Every structure is written in C-alpha cells, then in structure tokens.
C-alpha cells in the first residue's frame, strides 16, 4: 500500500513536470512536433495517440 502511494506521488510529479516543460514551448515549437496546446495534458499523462 505504501509503495503504491509512493508510485502515485512520483507519477503525479512526472505529470506536473511534463505539463510545465511542454507549456514553456511556443505554439510554433509545439506545431513542429505535431501538437497544440490542447494536447498537452494527454501527452503529459501518456495517453496521446497522435
């Protein structure tokens, strides 16, 4: 149970870090990698099927 909680905390931190890093990219940079701002949460969560 404790290990599961630790994994959830790490996953949430990774998600937040990914959101922050992707949000710093310009619209042009996101377009260059085939994304737009609305894709950021799915990409950060690992659920993007682009």
N, C-alpha and C. Protein backbone atom coordinates (compact mmCIF):
# COMPACT_ATOMS: atom_id res chain seq x y z
N UNK A 1 0.83 -1.19 0.00
CA UNK A 1 0.00 0.00 0.00
C UNK A 1 0.87 1.25 0.00
N UNK A 2 1.86 1.31 0.83
CA UNK A 2 2.75 2.46 0.89
C UNK A 2 3.50 2.61 -0.42
N UNK A 3 3.95 1.51 -0.99
CA UNK A 3 4.65 1.55 -2.27
C UNK A 3 3.74 2.08 -3.37
N UNK A 4 2.49 1.70 -3.34
CA UNK A 4 1.52 2.19 -4.31
C UNK A 4 1.34 3.71 -4.18
N UNK A 5 1.27 4.19 -2.99
CA UNK A 5 1.14 5.62 -2.75
C UNK A 5 2.37 6.37 -3.25
N UNK A 6 3.53 5.84 -3.00
CA UNK A 6 4.78 6.45 -3.46
C UNK A 6 4.81 6.50 -4.98
N UNK A 7 4.38 5.44 -5.63
CA UNK A 7 4.34 5.42 -7.10
C UNK A 7 3.37 6.47 -7.63
N UNK A 8 2.23 6.62 -6.97
CA UNK A 8 1.25 7.62 -7.40
C UNK A 8 1.83 9.03 -7.26
N UNK A 9 2.54 9.28 -6.19
CA UNK A 9 3.15 10.59 -5.99
C UNK A 9 4.20 10.87 -7.06
N UNK A 10 5.02 9.88 -7.37
CA UNK A 10 6.03 10.04 -8.42
C UNK A 10 5.37 10.28 -9.78
N UNK A 11 4.32 9.55 -10.07
CA UNK A 11 3.62 9.72 -11.34
C UNK A 11 3.01 11.12 -11.44
N UNK A 12 2.46 11.61 -10.34
CA UNK A 12 1.88 12.95 -10.35
C UNK A 12 2.97 14.00 -10.54
N UNK A 13 4.10 13.83 -9.91
CA UNK A 13 5.22 14.77 -10.08
C UNK A 13 5.72 14.75 -11.52
N UNK A 14 5.83 13.58 -12.11
CA UNK A 14 6.24 13.47 -13.51
C UNK A 14 5.24 14.18 -14.42
N UNK A 15 3.97 13.98 -14.16
CA UNK A 15 2.91 14.63 -14.94
C UNK A 15 3.05 16.15 -14.84
N UNK A 16 3.20 16.66 -13.63
CA UNK A 16 3.33 18.11 -13.43
C UNK A 16 4.57 18.66 -14.13
N UNK A 17 5.67 17.92 -14.07
CA UNK A 17 6.91 18.34 -14.73
C UNK A 17 6.72 18.37 -16.24
N UNK A 18 6.07 17.35 -16.78
CA UNK A 18 5.81 17.31 -18.22
C UNK A 18 4.92 18.46 -18.65
N UNK A 19 3.89 18.74 -17.88
CA UNK A 19 3.00 19.87 -18.18
C UNK A 19 3.80 21.17 -18.22
N UNK A 20 4.64 21.38 -17.21
CA UNK A 20 5.42 22.61 -17.13
C UNK A 20 6.37 22.75 -18.32
N UNK A 21 7.05 21.67 -18.66
CA UNK A 21 8.01 21.74 -19.76
C UNK A 21 7.32 21.97 -21.10
N UNK A 22 6.24 21.26 -21.35
CA UNK A 22 5.53 21.43 -22.62
C UNK A 22 4.87 22.81 -22.71
N UNK A 23 4.41 23.33 -21.59
CA UNK A 23 3.77 24.64 -21.58
C UNK A 23 4.74 25.77 -21.89
N UNK A 24 6.01 25.53 -21.68
CA UNK A 24 7.02 26.55 -21.96
C UNK A 24 7.32 26.66 -23.45
N UNK A 25 6.93 25.66 -24.23
CA UNK A 25 7.18 25.71 -25.66
C UNK A 25 6.23 26.70 -26.33
N UNK A 26 6.72 27.33 -27.38
CA UNK A 26 5.87 28.24 -28.16
C UNK A 26 4.89 27.42 -29.00
N UNK A 27 3.87 28.10 -29.50
CA UNK A 27 2.91 27.42 -30.37
C UNK A 27 3.62 26.86 -31.60
N UNK A 28 4.59 27.57 -32.11
CA UNK A 28 5.36 27.12 -33.28
C UNK A 28 6.14 25.85 -32.95
N UNK A 29 6.79 25.82 -31.79
CA UNK A 29 7.55 24.64 -31.39
C UNK A 29 6.63 23.43 -31.19
N UNK A 30 5.47 23.67 -30.60
CA UNK A 30 4.51 22.58 -30.43
C UNK A 30 4.05 22.06 -31.79
N UNK A 31 3.77 22.98 -32.71
CA UNK A 31 3.33 22.57 -34.06
C UNK A 31 4.42 21.77 -34.76
N UNK A 32 5.67 22.13 -34.53
CA UNK A 32 6.77 21.41 -35.16
C UNK A 32 6.82 19.94 -34.72
N UNK A 33 6.36 19.67 -33.52
CA UNK A 33 6.35 18.27 -33.05
C UNK A 33 4.94 17.66 -33.15
N UNK A 34 4.06 18.36 -33.86
CA UNK A 34 2.74 17.81 -34.14
C UNK A 34 1.73 17.94 -33.02
N UNK A 35 1.89 18.94 -32.17
CA UNK A 35 0.98 19.12 -31.03
C UNK A 35 0.41 20.53 -31.04
N UNK A 36 -0.69 20.70 -30.30
CA UNK A 36 -1.15 22.04 -29.98
C UNK A 36 -1.41 22.06 -28.47
N UNK A 37 -1.74 23.22 -27.96
CA UNK A 37 -1.87 23.38 -26.50
C UNK A 37 -2.90 22.43 -25.88
N UNK A 38 -3.94 22.12 -26.62
CA UNK A 38 -4.97 21.23 -26.06
C UNK A 38 -4.48 19.80 -25.91
N UNK A 39 -3.38 19.45 -26.57
CA UNK A 39 -2.82 18.10 -26.46
C UNK A 39 -1.94 17.90 -25.23
N UNK A 40 -1.49 19.00 -24.63
CA UNK A 40 -0.50 18.92 -23.56
C UNK A 40 -0.93 18.00 -22.41
N UNK A 41 -2.14 18.11 -21.86
CA UNK A 41 -2.50 17.21 -20.75
C UNK A 41 -2.45 15.73 -21.12
N UNK A 42 -2.92 15.39 -22.34
CA UNK A 42 -2.89 13.97 -22.76
C UNK A 42 -1.46 13.49 -22.96
N UNK A 43 -0.63 14.32 -23.56
CA UNK A 43 0.77 13.94 -23.76
C UNK A 43 1.45 13.75 -22.41
N UNK A 44 1.24 14.68 -21.51
CA UNK A 44 1.87 14.62 -20.19
C UNK A 44 1.43 13.38 -19.41
N UNK A 45 0.20 12.97 -19.62
CA UNK A 45 -0.33 11.79 -18.92
C UNK A 45 0.04 10.49 -19.63
N UNK A 46 0.57 10.59 -20.86
CA UNK A 46 0.95 9.39 -21.59
C UNK A 46 -0.21 8.75 -22.34
N UNK A 47 -1.29 9.52 -22.58
CA UNK A 47 -2.47 8.97 -23.24
C UNK A 47 -2.67 9.51 -24.65
N UNK A 48 -1.65 10.14 -25.22
CA UNK A 48 -1.79 10.75 -26.54
C UNK A 48 -1.52 9.72 -27.63
N UNK A 49 -2.44 9.64 -28.57
CA UNK A 49 -2.28 8.72 -29.71
C UNK A 49 -2.23 9.54 -30.99
N UNK A 50 -1.17 10.32 -31.17
CA UNK A 50 -1.05 11.23 -32.31
C UNK A 50 -0.54 10.59 -33.46
